[in-house]
Amino acid sequence: MSGAKNVLGSQLETCCTNPMTGFYRDGMCNTGAGDVGMHVVCAQMTEEFLTYTKAQGNDLSTPVPAFAFPGLKPGDRWCLCALRWKEAFDDGVAPPVILAATHAAALEYVSLADLKQHALDA
């Protein structure tokens, strides 16, 4: 996975290690065969998005100690499912993204233009 590329075509960078994110909990938005949700979009949480995703049935703000999940707050970075980010984008509440840490596989679900509209690092 060390050769993974980001949406800009360069080496995938770390999304966040505090809290530790990624499908593999390695701080990176890497993906593989077991990642059916495609957790590939590195996004910075906003209150608006956390409220939105909770209403969609995916509560990211409540801690789940059994899974060592601290719960997210605005400002935290997290590897989101590409389709959830796209849903939020379509509904006008997409959180900002970090392009250098967003896996190239995200482009199977969302356009680079849409990601760049919400980029923190563009």
PDB file of N, CA and C in Angstrom:
ATOM      1  N   MET A   1       0.810  -1.197   0.000  1.00  0.00           N
ATOM      2  CA  MET A   1       0.000   0.000   0.000  1.00  0.00           C
ATOM      3  C   MET A   1       0.852   1.260   0.000  1.00  0.00           C
ATOM      4  N   SER A   2       2.149   1.134   0.224  1.00  0.00           N
ATOM      5  CA  SER A   2       2.997   2.322   0.290  1.00  0.00           C
ATOM      6  C   SER A   2       3.081   3.045  -1.049  1.00  0.00           C
ATOM      7  N   GLY A   3       2.731   2.360  -2.141  1.00  0.00           N
ATOM      8  CA  GLY A   3       2.774   2.993  -3.448  1.00  0.00           C
ATOM      9  C   GLY A   3       1.456   3.626  -3.849  1.00  0.00           C
ATOM     10  N   ALA A   4       0.514   3.740  -2.926  1.00  0.00           N
ATOM     11  CA  ALA A   4      -0.809   4.284  -3.245  1.00  0.00           C
ATOM     12  C   ALA A   4      -0.691   5.733  -3.710  1.00  0.00           C
ATOM     13  N   LYS A   5      -1.554   6.102  -4.630  1.00  0.00           N
ATOM     14  CA  LYS A   5      -1.571   7.455  -5.191  1.00  0.00           C
ATOM     15  C   LYS A   5      -2.783   8.228  -4.682  1.00  0.00           C
ATOM     16  N   ASN A   6      -2.628   9.541  -4.633  1.00  0.00           N
ATOM     17  CA  ASN A   6      -3.754  10.395  -4.266  1.00  0.00           C
ATOM     18  C   ASN A   6      -4.453  10.884  -5.539  1.00  0.00           C
ATOM     19  N   VAL A   7      -5.501  11.671  -5.371  1.00  0.00           N
ATOM     20  CA  VAL A   7      -6.290  12.147  -6.514  1.00  0.00           C
ATOM     21  C   VAL A   7      -5.510  13.101  -7.414  1.00  0.00           C
ATOM     22  N   LEU A   8      -4.370  13.583  -6.942  1.00  0.00           N
ATOM     23  CA  LEU A   8      -3.528  14.477  -7.737  1.00  0.00           C
ATOM     24  C   LEU A   8      -2.459  13.710  -8.515  1.00  0.00           C
ATOM     25  N   GLY A   9      -2.381  12.390  -8.279  1.00  0.00           N
ATOM     26  CA  GLY A   9      -1.423  11.558  -8.990  1.00  0.00           C
ATOM     27  C   GLY A   9      -0.091  11.379  -8.294  1.00  0.00           C
ATOM     28  N   SER A  10       0.077  11.981  -7.131  1.00  0.00           N
ATOM     29  CA  SER A  10       1.322  11.815  -6.376  1.00  0.00           C
ATOM     30  C   SER A  10       1.098  10.827  -5.228  1.00  0.00           C
ATOM     31  N   GLN A  11       2.140  10.586  -4.457  1.00  0.00           N
ATOM     32  CA  GLN A  11       2.059   9.613  -3.372  1.00  0.00           C
ATOM     33  C   GLN A  11       1.019  10.040  -2.332  1.00  0.00           C
ATOM     34  N   LEU A  12       0.203   9.084  -1.908  1.00  0.00           N
ATOM     35  CA  LEU A  12      -0.825   9.337  -0.901  1.00  0.00           C
ATOM     36  C   LEU A  12      -0.173   9.768   0.407  1.00  0.00           C
ATOM     37  N   GLU A  13      -0.649  10.878   0.963  1.00  0.00           N
ATOM     38  CA  GLU A  13      -0.127  11.387   2.228  1.00  0.00           C
ATOM     39  C   GLU A  13      -1.016  10.974   3.398  1.00  0.00           C
ATOM     40  N   THR A  14      -0.501  11.106   4.595  1.00  0.00           N
ATOM     41  CA  THR A  14      -1.246  10.782   5.810  1.00  0.00           C
ATOM     42  C   THR A  14      -2.424  11.726   5.965  1.00  0.00           C
ATOM     43  N   CYS A  15      -3.564  11.170   6.351  1.00  0.00           N
ATOM     44  CA  CYS A  15      -4.766  11.969   6.611  1.00  0.00           C
ATOM     45  C   CYS A  15      -4.750  12.456   8.059  1.00  0.00           C
ATOM     46  N   CYS A  16      -4.665  11.518   8.994  1.00  0.00           N
ATOM     47  CA  CYS A  16      -4.680  11.899  10.413  1.00  0.00           C
ATOM     48  C   CYS A  16      -4.262  10.714  11.285  1.00  0.00           C
ATOM     49  N   THR A  17      -3.493  11.011  12.318  1.00  0.00           N
ATOM     50  CA  THR A  17      -3.114   9.960  13.274  1.00  0.00           C
ATOM     51  C   THR A  17      -3.676  10.239  14.667  1.00  0.00           C
ATOM     52  N   ASN A  18      -4.330  11.391  14.843  1.00  0.00           N
ATOM     53  CA  ASN A  18      -4.960  11.706  16.129  1.00  0.00           C
ATOM     54  C   ASN A  18      -6.235  12.497  15.883  1.00  0.00           C
ATOM     55  N   PRO A  19      -7.382  11.814  15.771  1.00  0.00           N
ATOM     56  CA  PRO A  19      -7.563  10.377  15.987  1.00  0.00           C
ATOM     57  C   PRO A  19      -7.026   9.556  14.817  1.00  0.00           C
ATOM     58  N   MET A  20      -6.656   8.304  15.106  1.00  0.00           N
ATOM     59  CA  MET A  20      -6.126   7.405  14.089  1.00  0.00           C
ATOM     60  C   MET A  20      -7.259   7.021  13.139  1.00  0.00           C
ATOM     61  N   THR A  21      -7.069   7.333  11.868  1.00  0.00           N
ATOM     62  CA  THR A  21      -8.109   7.097  10.878  1.00  0.00           C
ATOM     63  C   THR A  21      -7.673   6.059   9.858  1.00  0.00           C
ATOM     64  N   GLY A  22      -8.536   5.824   8.897  1.00  0.00           N
ATOM     65  CA  GLY A  22      -8.268   4.896   7.805  1.00  0.00           C
ATOM     66  C   GLY A  22      -8.897   3.547   8.057  1.00  0.00           C
ATOM     67  N   PHE A  23      -9.280   2.899   6.982  1.00  0.00           N
ATOM     68  CA  PHE A  23      -9.866   1.560   7.099  1.00  0.00           C
ATOM     69  C   PHE A  23      -8.930   0.623   7.854  1.00  0.00           C
ATOM     70  N   TYR A  24      -7.628   0.788   7.638  1.00  0.00           N
ATOM     71  CA  TYR A  24      -6.634  -0.058   8.295  1.00  0.00           C
ATOM     72  C   TYR A  24      -6.093   0.570   9.578  1.00  0.00           C
ATOM     73  N   ARG A  25      -6.664   1.703   9.969  1.00  0.00           N
ATOM     74  CA  ARG A  25      -6.242   2.456  11.157  1.00  0.00           C
ATOM     75  C   ARG A  25      -4.734   2.675  11.145  1.00  0.00           C
ATOM     76  N   ASP A  26      -4.271   3.181   9.976  1.00  0.00           N
ATOM     77  CA  ASP A  26      -2.860   3.496   9.816  1.00  0.00           C
ATOM     78  C   ASP A  26      -2.645   4.982   9.542  1.00  0.00           C
ATOM     79  N   GLY A  27      -3.723   5.761   9.670  1.00  0.00           N
ATOM     80  CA  GLY A  27      -3.632   7.196   9.433  1.00  0.00           C
ATOM     81  C   GLY A  27      -3.793   7.591   7.977  1.00  0.00           C
ATOM     82  N   MET A  28      -3.903   6.601   7.111  1.00  0.00           N
ATOM     83  CA  MET A  28      -3.976   6.821   5.665  1.00  0.00           C
ATOM     84  C   MET A  28      -5.335   6.380   5.131  1.00  0.00           C
ATOM     85  N   CYS A  29      -5.772   7.013   4.044  1.00  0.00           N
ATOM     86  CA  CYS A  29      -7.041   6.622   3.415  1.00  0.00           C
ATOM     87  C   CYS A  29      -6.797   5.539   2.365  1.00  0.00           C
ATOM     88  N   ASN A  30      -6.032   4.510   2.768  1.00  0.00           N
ATOM     89  CA  ASN A  30      -5.781   3.356   1.911  1.00  0.00           C
ATOM     90  C   ASN A  30      -7.037   2.520   1.793  1.00  0.00           C
ATOM     91  N   THR A  31      -7.098   1.711   0.756  1.00  0.00           N
ATOM     92  CA  THR A  31      -8.236   0.829   0.549  1.00  0.00           C
ATOM     93  C   THR A  31      -7.736  -0.522   0.063  1.00  0.00           C
ATOM     94  N   GLY A  32      -8.598  -1.486   0.117  1.00  0.00           N
ATOM     95  CA  GLY A  32      -8.262  -2.831  -0.326  1.00  0.00           C
ATOM     96  C   GLY A  32      -9.523  -3.655  -0.445  1.00  0.00           C
ATOM     97  N   ALA A  33      -9.371  -4.921  -0.712  1.00  0.00           N
ATOM     98  CA  ALA A  33     -10.514  -5.809  -0.966  1.00  0.00           C
ATOM     99  C   ALA A  33     -11.531  -5.815   0.176  1.00  0.00           C
ATOM    100  N   GLY A  34     -11.085  -5.706   1.401  1.00  0.00           N
ATOM    101  CA  GLY A  34     -12.004  -5.755   2.539  1.00  0.00           C
ATOM    102  C   GLY A  34     -12.757  -4.462   2.804  1.00  0.00           C
ATOM    103  N   ASP A  35     -12.338  -3.396   2.165  1.00  0.00           N
ATOM    104  CA  ASP A  35     -12.931  -2.074   2.405  1.00  0.00           C
ATOM    105  C   ASP A  35     -14.107  -1.837   1.458  1.00  0.00           C
ATOM    106  N   VAL A  36     -15.232  -2.472   1.763  1.00  0.00           N
ATOM    107  CA  VAL A  36     -16.396  -2.334   0.882  1.00  0.00           C
ATOM    108  C   VAL A  36     -16.968  -0.927   0.895  1.00  0.00           C
ATOM    109  N   GLY A  37     -16.706  -0.166   1.947  1.00  0.00           N
ATOM    110  CA  GLY A  37     -17.206   1.208   2.031  1.00  0.00           C
ATOM    111  C   GLY A  37     -16.334   2.221   1.312  1.00  0.00           C
ATOM    112  N   MET A  38     -15.165   1.799   0.853  1.00  0.00           N
ATOM    113  CA  MET A  38     -14.233   2.699   0.163  1.00  0.00           C
ATOM    114  C   MET A  38     -13.964   3.960   0.998  1.00  0.00           C
ATOM    115  N   HIS A  39     -13.306   3.784   2.134  1.00  0.00           N
ATOM    116  CA  HIS A  39     -12.954   4.880   3.045  1.00  0.00           C
ATOM    117  C   HIS A  39     -11.734   5.620   2.505  1.00  0.00           C
ATOM    118  N   VAL A  40     -11.935   6.413   1.459  1.00  0.00           N
ATOM    119  CA  VAL A  40     -10.814   6.966   0.701  1.00  0.00           C
ATOM    120  C   VAL A  40     -10.760   8.491   0.636  1.00  0.00           C
ATOM    121  N   VAL A  41     -11.761   9.183   1.163  1.00  0.00           N
ATOM    122  CA  VAL A  41     -11.783  10.647   1.112  1.00  0.00           C
ATOM    123  C   VAL A  41     -11.334  11.202   2.465  1.00  0.00           C
ATOM    124  N   CYS A  42     -10.195  11.880   2.468  1.00  0.00           N
ATOM    125  CA  CYS A  42      -9.714  12.513   3.691  1.00  0.00           C
ATOM    126  C   CYS A  42     -10.442  13.848   3.844  1.00  0.00           C
ATOM    127  N   ALA A  43     -11.264  13.929   4.870  1.00  0.00           N
ATOM    128  CA  ALA A  43     -12.084  15.122   5.077  1.00  0.00           C
ATOM    129  C   ALA A  43     -11.890  15.682   6.474  1.00  0.00           C
ATOM    130  N   GLN A  44     -12.049  16.999   6.569  1.00  0.00           N
ATOM    131  CA  GLN A  44     -12.009  17.670   7.863  1.00  0.00           C
ATOM    132  C   GLN A  44     -13.439  17.883   8.326  1.00  0.00           C
ATOM    133  N   MET A  45     -13.750  17.317   9.483  1.00  0.00           N
ATOM    134  CA  MET A  45     -15.126  17.335   9.969  1.00  0.00           C
ATOM    135  C   MET A  45     -15.617  18.747  10.265  1.00  0.00           C
ATOM    136  N   THR A  46     -16.897  18.941   9.972  1.00  0.00           N
ATOM    137  CA  THR A  46     -17.600  20.170  10.334  1.00  0.00           C
ATOM    138  C   THR A  46     -18.812  19.769  11.160  1.00  0.00           C
ATOM    139  N   GLU A  47     -19.315  20.685  11.961  1.00  0.00           N
ATOM    140  CA  GLU A  47     -20.514  20.409  12.746  1.00  0.00           C
ATOM    141  C   GLU A  47     -21.671  20.043  11.818  1.00  0.00           C
ATOM    142  N   GLU A  48     -21.774  20.769  10.710  1.00  0.00           N
ATOM    143  CA  GLU A  48     -22.848  20.531   9.745  1.00  0.00           C
ATOM    144  C   GLU A  48     -22.796  19.108   9.181  1.00  0.00           C
ATOM    145  N   PHE A  49     -21.589  18.650   8.817  1.00  0.00           N
ATOM    146  CA  PHE A  49     -21.466  17.299   8.270  1.00  0.00           C
ATOM    147  C   PHE A  49     -21.721  16.246   9.341  1.00  0.00           C
ATOM    148  N   LEU A  50     -21.194  16.441  10.549  1.00  0.00           N
ATOM    149  CA  LEU A  50     -21.409  15.455  11.612  1.00  0.00           C
ATOM    150  C   LEU A  50     -22.892  15.304  11.929  1.00  0.00           C
ATOM    151  N   THR A  51     -23.627  16.407  11.927  1.00  0.00           N
ATOM    152  CA  THR A  51     -25.079  16.357  12.138  1.00  0.00           C
ATOM    153  C   THR A  51     -25.752  15.631  10.984  1.00  0.00           C
ATOM    154  N   TYR A  52     -25.332  15.933   9.765  1.00  0.00           N
ATOM    155  CA  TYR A  52     -25.891  15.310   8.561  1.00  0.00           C
ATOM    156  C   TYR A  52     -25.683  13.794   8.559  1.00  0.00           C
ATOM    157  N   THR A  53     -24.439  13.363   8.782  1.00  0.00           N
ATOM    158  CA  THR A  53     -24.165  11.927   8.691  1.00  0.00           C
ATOM    159  C   THR A  53     -24.851  11.153   9.815  1.00  0.00           C
ATOM    160  N   LYS A  54     -24.999  11.780  10.986  1.00  0.00           N
ATOM    161  CA  LYS A  54     -25.734  11.132  12.080  1.00  0.00           C
ATOM    162  C   LYS A  54     -27.195  10.927  11.664  1.00  0.00           C
ATOM    163  N   ALA A  55     -27.777  11.914  11.008  1.00  0.00           N
ATOM    164  CA  ALA A  55     -29.166  11.806  10.537  1.00  0.00           C
ATOM    165  C   ALA A  55     -29.310  10.732   9.457  1.00  0.00           C
ATOM    166  N   GLN A  56     -28.197  10.428   8.766  1.00  0.00           N
ATOM    167  CA  GLN A  56     -28.213   9.393   7.734  1.00  0.00           C
ATOM    168  C   GLN A  56     -27.967   8.001   8.324  1.00  0.00           C
ATOM    169  N   GLY A  57     -27.764   7.933   9.629  1.00  0.00           N
ATOM    170  CA  GLY A  57     -27.567   6.649  10.292  1.00  0.00           C
ATOM    171  C   GLY A  57     -26.118   6.286  10.573  1.00  0.00           C
ATOM    172  N   ASN A  58     -25.193   7.210  10.340  1.00  0.00           N
ATOM    173  CA  ASN A  58     -23.785   6.944  10.620  1.00  0.00           C
ATOM    174  C   ASN A  58     -23.274   8.001  11.595  1.00  0.00           C
ATOM    175  N   ASP A  59     -23.419   7.715  12.876  1.00  0.00           N
ATOM    176  CA  ASP A  59     -23.038   8.648  13.934  1.00  0.00           C
ATOM    177  C   ASP A  59     -21.530   8.598  14.145  1.00  0.00           C
ATOM    178  N   LEU A  60     -20.851   9.628  13.688  1.00  0.00           N
ATOM    179  CA  LEU A  60     -19.399   9.706  13.850  1.00  0.00           C
ATOM    180  C   LEU A  60     -18.987  10.543  15.048  1.00  0.00           C
ATOM    181  N   SER A  61     -19.944  11.153  15.728  1.00  0.00           N
ATOM    182  CA  SER A  61     -19.586  12.044  16.831  1.00  0.00           C
ATOM    183  C   SER A  61     -19.655  11.382  18.209  1.00  0.00           C
ATOM    184  N   THR A  62     -20.327  10.250  18.319  1.00  0.00           N
ATOM    185  CA  THR A  62     -20.450   9.570  19.606  1.00  0.00           C
ATOM    186  C   THR A  62     -19.335   8.540  19.782  1.00  0.00           C
ATOM    187  N   PRO A  63     -18.583   8.622  20.881  1.00  0.00           N
ATOM    188  CA  PRO A  63     -17.522   7.640  21.125  1.00  0.00           C
ATOM    189  C   PRO A  63     -18.077   6.216  21.230  1.00  0.00           C
ATOM    190  N   VAL A  64     -17.301   5.259  20.740  1.00  0.00           N
ATOM    191  CA  VAL A  64     -17.637   3.835  20.869  1.00  0.00           C
ATOM    192  C   VAL A  64     -16.391   3.152  21.435  1.00  0.00           C
ATOM    193  N   PRO A  65     -16.265   3.148  22.769  1.00  0.00           N
ATOM    194  CA  PRO A  65     -15.055   2.601  23.401  1.00  0.00           C
ATOM    195  C   PRO A  65     -14.763   1.148  23.008  1.00  0.00           C
ATOM    196  N   ALA A  66     -15.787   0.353  22.774  1.00  0.00           N
ATOM    197  CA  ALA A  66     -15.580  -1.054  22.417  1.00  0.00           C
ATOM    198  C   ALA A  66     -14.768  -1.211  21.138  1.00  0.00           C
ATOM    199  N   PHE A  67     -14.815  -0.193  20.279  1.00  0.00           N
ATOM    200  CA  PHE A  67     -14.050  -0.222  19.033  1.00  0.00           C
ATOM    201  C   PHE A  67     -12.911   0.800  19.041  1.00  0.00           C
ATOM    202  N   ALA A  68     -12.579   1.293  20.238  1.00  0.00           N
ATOM    203  CA  ALA A  68     -11.529   2.304  20.403  1.00  0.00           C
ATOM    204  C   ALA A  68     -11.780   3.508  19.501  1.00  0.00           C
ATOM    205  N   PHE A  69     -13.061   3.855  19.343  1.00  0.00           N
ATOM    206  CA  PHE A  69     -13.435   5.007  18.519  1.00  0.00           C
ATOM    207  C   PHE A  69     -13.751   6.183  19.437  1.00  0.00           C
ATOM    208  N   PRO A  70     -12.992   7.275  19.319  1.00  0.00           N
ATOM    209  CA  PRO A  70     -13.138   8.388  20.251  1.00  0.00           C
ATOM    210  C   PRO A  70     -14.331   9.300  19.983  1.00  0.00           C
ATOM    211  N   GLY A  71     -14.962   9.138  18.829  1.00  0.00           N
ATOM    212  CA  GLY A  71     -15.978  10.108  18.417  1.00  0.00           C
ATOM    213  C   GLY A  71     -15.272  11.303  17.813  1.00  0.00           C
ATOM    214  N   LEU A  72     -15.846  11.852  16.771  1.00  0.00           N
ATOM    215  CA  LEU A  72     -15.204  12.960  16.066  1.00  0.00           C
ATOM    216  C   LEU A  72     -15.839  14.290  16.422  1.00  0.00           C
ATOM    217  N   LYS A  73     -15.052  15.336  16.313  1.00  0.00           N
ATOM    218  CA  LYS A  73     -15.542  16.696  16.557  1.00  0.00           C
ATOM    219  C   LYS A  73     -15.109  17.565  15.382  1.00  0.00           C
ATOM    220  N   PRO A  74     -15.733  18.714  15.209  1.00  0.00           N
ATOM    221  CA  PRO A  74     -15.321  19.613  14.131  1.00  0.00           C
ATOM    222  C   PRO A  74     -13.820  19.873  14.190  1.00  0.00           C
ATOM    223  N   GLY A  75     -13.191  19.826  13.027  1.00  0.00           N
ATOM    224  CA  GLY A  75     -11.745  20.028  12.934  1.00  0.00           C
ATOM    225  C   GLY A  75     -10.966  18.731  12.813  1.00  0.00           C
ATOM    226  N   ASP A  76     -11.535  17.618  13.307  1.00  0.00           N
ATOM    227  CA  ASP A  76     -10.870  16.320  13.163  1.00  0.00           C
ATOM    228  C   ASP A  76     -10.851  15.925  11.693  1.00  0.00           C
ATOM    229  N   ARG A  77      -9.824  15.213  11.299  1.00  0.00           N
ATOM    230  CA  ARG A  77      -9.744  14.671   9.937  1.00  0.00           C
ATOM    231  C   ARG A  77     -10.038  13.179   9.995  1.00  0.00           C
ATOM    232  N   TRP A  78     -10.750  12.693   8.969  1.00  0.00           N
ATOM    233  CA  TRP A  78     -11.203  11.302   8.971  1.00  0.00           C
ATOM    234  C   TRP A  78     -11.334  10.805   7.542  1.00  0.00           C
ATOM    235  N   CYS A  79     -11.044   9.536   7.334  1.00  0.00           N
ATOM    236  CA  CYS A  79     -11.209   8.922   6.013  1.00  0.00           C
ATOM    237  C   CYS A  79     -12.679   8.513   5.848  1.00  0.00           C
ATOM    238  N   LEU A  80     -13.392   9.246   5.025  1.00  0.00           N
ATOM    239  CA  LEU A  80     -14.816   8.995   4.796  1.00  0.00           C
ATOM    240  C   LEU A  80     -15.035   8.052   3.622  1.00  0.00           C
ATOM    241  N   CYS A  81     -16.172   7.379   3.654  1.00  0.00           N
ATOM    242  CA  CYS A  81     -16.609   6.589   2.507  1.00  0.00           C
ATOM    243  C   CYS A  81     -16.863   7.552   1.353  1.00  0.00           C
ATOM    244  N   ALA A  82     -16.383   7.188   0.184  1.00  0.00           N
ATOM    245  CA  ALA A  82     -16.528   8.065  -0.984  1.00  0.00           C
ATOM    246  C   ALA A  82     -17.992   8.372  -1.279  1.00  0.00           C
ATOM    247  N   LEU A  83     -18.846   7.369  -1.171  1.00  0.00           N
ATOM    248  CA  LEU A  83     -20.263   7.604  -1.476  1.00  0.00           C
ATOM    249  C   LEU A  83     -20.939   8.486  -0.437  1.00  0.00           C
ATOM    250  N   ARG A  84     -20.531   8.431   0.825  1.00  0.00           N
ATOM    251  CA  ARG A  84     -21.104   9.313   1.844  1.00  0.00           C
ATOM    252  C   ARG A  84     -20.688  10.760   1.569  1.00  0.00           C
ATOM    253  N   TRP A  85     -19.414  10.947   1.186  1.00  0.00           N
ATOM    254  CA  TRP A  85     -18.971  12.298   0.863  1.00  0.00           C
ATOM    255  C   TRP A  85     -19.767  12.820  -0.334  1.00  0.00           C
ATOM    256  N   LYS A  86     -19.955  11.981  -1.344  1.00  0.00           N
ATOM    257  CA  LYS A  86     -20.714  12.370  -2.547  1.00  0.00           C
ATOM    258  C   LYS A  86     -22.157  12.715  -2.176  1.00  0.00           C
ATOM    259  N   GLU A  87     -22.761  11.926  -1.311  1.00  0.00           N
ATOM    260  CA  GLU A  87     -24.121  12.210  -0.818  1.00  0.00           C
ATOM    261  C   GLU A  87     -24.167  13.583  -0.157  1.00  0.00           C
ATOM    262  N   ALA A  88     -23.221  13.828   0.715  1.00  0.00           N
ATOM    263  CA  ALA A  88     -23.159  15.110   1.418  1.00  0.00           C
ATOM    264  C   ALA A  88     -22.921  16.252   0.421  1.00  0.00           C
ATOM    265  N   PHE A  89     -22.090  16.007  -0.569  1.00  0.00           N
ATOM    266  CA  PHE A  89     -21.840  17.009  -1.604  1.00  0.00           C
ATOM    267  C   PHE A  89     -23.141  17.336  -2.337  1.00  0.00           C
ATOM    268  N   ASP A  90     -23.849  16.291  -2.751  1.00  0.00           N
ATOM    269  CA  ASP A  90     -25.114  16.487  -3.466  1.00  0.00           C
ATOM    270  C   ASP A  90     -26.142  17.236  -2.620  1.00  0.00           C
ATOM    271  N   ASP A  91     -26.066  17.069  -1.284  1.00  0.00           N
ATOM    272  CA  ASP A  91     -26.998  17.730  -0.373  1.00  0.00           C
ATOM    273  C   ASP A  91     -26.465  19.060   0.165  1.00  0.00           C
ATOM    274  N   GLY A  92     -25.310  19.487  -0.336  1.00  0.00           N
ATOM    275  CA  GLY A  92     -24.769  20.796   0.035  1.00  0.00           C
ATOM    276  C   GLY A  92     -24.086  20.883   1.383  1.00  0.00           C
ATOM    277  N   VAL A  93     -23.675  19.752   1.959  1.00  0.00           N
ATOM    278  CA  VAL A  93     -23.051  19.762   3.282  1.00  0.00           C
ATOM    279  C   VAL A  93     -21.718  19.003   3.323  1.00  0.00           C
ATOM    280  N   ALA A  94     -21.076  18.865   2.158  1.00  0.00           N
ATOM    281  CA  ALA A  94     -19.807  18.126   2.116  1.00  0.00           C
ATOM    282  C   ALA A  94     -18.743  18.829   2.937  1.00  0.00           C
ATOM    283  N   PRO A  95     -18.010  18.067   3.736  1.00  0.00           N
ATOM    284  CA  PRO A  95     -16.908  18.677   4.486  1.00  0.00           C
ATOM    285  C   PRO A  95     -15.716  18.927   3.569  1.00  0.00           C
ATOM    286  N   PRO A  96     -14.821  19.839   3.953  1.00  0.00           N
ATOM    287  CA  PRO A  96     -13.629  20.088   3.155  1.00  0.00           C
ATOM    288  C   PRO A  96     -12.742  18.848   3.095  1.00  0.00           C
ATOM    289  N   VAL A  97     -12.006  18.723   1.993  1.00  0.00           N
ATOM    290  CA  VAL A  97     -11.138  17.562   1.789  1.00  0.00           C
ATOM    291  C   VAL A  97      -9.671  17.976   1.693  1.00  0.00           C
ATOM    292  N   ILE A  98      -8.824  17.009   1.973  1.00  0.00           N
ATOM    293  CA  ILE A  98      -7.392  17.178   1.838  1.00  0.00           C
ATOM    294  C   ILE A  98      -6.996  16.321   0.636  1.00  0.00           C
ATOM    295  N   LEU A  99      -6.784  16.955  -0.502  1.00  0.00           N
ATOM    296  CA  LEU A  99      -6.541  16.245  -1.757  1.00  0.00           C
ATOM    297  C   LEU A  99      -5.321  15.335  -1.687  1.00  0.00           C
ATOM    298  N   ALA A 100      -4.245  15.796  -1.093  1.00  0.00           N
ATOM    299  CA  ALA A 100      -3.013  15.019  -1.038  1.00  0.00           C
ATOM    300  C   ALA A 100      -3.171  13.732  -0.228  1.00  0.00           C
ATOM    301  N   ALA A 101      -4.184  13.686   0.646  1.00  0.00           N
ATOM    302  CA  ALA A 101      -4.427  12.509   1.482  1.00  0.00           C
ATOM    303  C   ALA A 101      -5.674  11.733   1.057  1.00  0.00           C
ATOM    304  N   THR A 102      -6.295  12.126  -0.062  1.00  0.00           N
ATOM    305  CA  THR A 102      -7.473  11.429  -0.588  1.00  0.00           C
ATOM    306  C   THR A 102      -7.014  10.455  -1.671  1.00  0.00           C
ATOM    307  N   HIS A 103      -7.333   9.193  -1.467  1.00  0.00           N
ATOM    308  CA  HIS A 103      -6.891   8.111  -2.361  1.00  0.00           C
ATOM    309  C   HIS A 103      -7.471   8.288  -3.761  1.00  0.00           C
ATOM    310  N   ALA A 104      -6.682   7.949  -4.772  1.00  0.00           N
ATOM    311  CA  ALA A 104      -7.102   8.054  -6.170  1.00  0.00           C
ATOM    312  C   ALA A 104      -8.378   7.266  -6.452  1.00  0.00           C
ATOM    313  N   ALA A 105      -8.657   6.219  -5.684  1.00  0.00           N
ATOM    314  CA  ALA A 105      -9.876   5.421  -5.879  1.00  0.00           C
ATOM    315  C   ALA A 105     -11.142   6.250  -5.684  1.00  0.00           C
ATOM    316  N   ALA A 106     -11.038   7.383  -4.994  1.00  0.00           N
ATOM    317  CA  ALA A 106     -12.196   8.259  -4.801  1.00  0.00           C
ATOM    318  C   ALA A 106     -12.750   8.739  -6.137  1.00  0.00           C
ATOM    319  N   LEU A 107     -11.877   8.820  -7.141  1.00  0.00           N
ATOM    320  CA  LEU A 107     -12.289   9.332  -8.451  1.00  0.00           C
ATOM    321  C   LEU A 107     -13.242   8.380  -9.177  1.00  0.00           C
ATOM    322  N   GLU A 108     -13.412   7.172  -8.656  1.00  0.00           N
ATOM    323  CA  GLU A 108     -14.408   6.249  -9.201  1.00  0.00           C
ATOM    324  C   GLU A 108     -15.820   6.680  -8.793  1.00  0.00           C
ATOM    325  N   TYR A 109     -15.916   7.554  -7.788  1.00  0.00           N
ATOM    326  CA  TYR A 109     -17.210   7.940  -7.217  1.00  0.00           C
ATOM    327  C   TYR A 109     -17.493   9.435  -7.306  1.00  0.00           C
ATOM    328  N   VAL A 110     -16.441  10.231  -7.265  1.00  0.00           N
ATOM    329  CA  VAL A 110     -16.604  11.687  -7.300  1.00  0.00           C
ATOM    330  C   VAL A 110     -15.581  12.280  -8.263  1.00  0.00           C
ATOM    331  N   SER A 111     -15.921  13.420  -8.820  1.00  0.00           N
ATOM    332  CA  SER A 111     -15.002  14.041  -9.777  1.00  0.00           C
ATOM    333  C   SER A 111     -13.937  14.851  -9.049  1.00  0.00           C
ATOM    334  N   LEU A 112     -12.797  14.984  -9.705  1.00  0.00           N
ATOM    335  CA  LEU A 112     -11.725  15.800  -9.151  1.00  0.00           C
ATOM    336  C   LEU A 112     -12.187  17.249  -9.029  1.00  0.00           C
ATOM    337  N   ALA A 113     -12.991  17.702  -9.961  1.00  0.00           N
ATOM    338  CA  ALA A 113     -13.509  19.080  -9.907  1.00  0.00           C
ATOM    339  C   ALA A 113     -14.339  19.292  -8.639  1.00  0.00           C
ATOM    340  N   ASP A 114     -15.191  18.330  -8.291  1.00  0.00           N
ATOM    341  CA  ASP A 114     -16.013  18.449  -7.082  1.00  0.00           C
ATOM    342  C   ASP A 114     -15.141  18.434  -5.832  1.00  0.00           C
ATOM    343  N   LEU A 115     -14.146  17.562  -5.822  1.00  0.00           N
ATOM    344  CA  LEU A 115     -13.229  17.504  -4.678  1.00  0.00           C
ATOM    345  C   LEU A 115     -12.457  18.826  -4.553  1.00  0.00           C
ATOM    346  N   LYS A 116     -11.993  19.346  -5.675  1.00  0.00           N
ATOM    347  CA  LYS A 116     -11.225  20.597  -5.641  1.00  0.00           C
ATOM    348  C   LYS A 116     -12.069  21.772  -5.148  1.00  0.00           C
ATOM    349  N   GLN A 117     -13.370  21.737  -5.420  1.00  0.00           N
ATOM    350  CA  GLN A 117     -14.274  22.789  -4.918  1.00  0.00           C
ATOM    351  C   GLN A 117     -14.269  22.856  -3.408  1.00  0.00           C
ATOM    352  N   HIS A 118     -13.983  21.726  -2.758  1.00  0.00           N
ATOM    353  CA  HIS A 118     -14.011  21.629  -1.293  1.00  0.00           C
ATOM    354  C   HIS A 118     -12.637  21.384  -0.701  1.00  0.00           C
ATOM    355  N   ALA A 119     -11.585  21.649  -1.480  1.00  0.00           N
ATOM    356  CA  ALA A 119     -10.232  21.326  -1.028  1.00  0.00           C
ATOM    357  C   ALA A 119      -9.661  22.356  -0.053  1.00  0.00           C
ATOM    358  N   LEU A 120      -8.991  21.853   0.961  1.00  0.00           N
ATOM    359  CA  LEU A 120      -8.256  22.710   1.889  1.00  0.00           C
ATOM    360  C   LEU A 120      -6.852  22.974   1.369  1.00  0.00           C
ATOM    361  N   ASP A 121      -6.376  22.102   0.487  1.00  0.00           N
ATOM    362  CA  ASP A 121      -4.971  22.170   0.066  1.00  0.00           C
ATOM    363  C   ASP A 121      -4.817  22.405  -1.438  1.00  0.00           C
ATOM    364  N   ALA A 122      -5.809  22.984  -2.081  1.00  0.00           N
ATOM    365  CA  ALA A 122      -5.711  23.194  -3.527  1.00  0.00           C
ATOM    366  C   ALA A 122      -5.121  24.560  -3.847  1.00  0.00           C
TER     367      ALA A 122
END
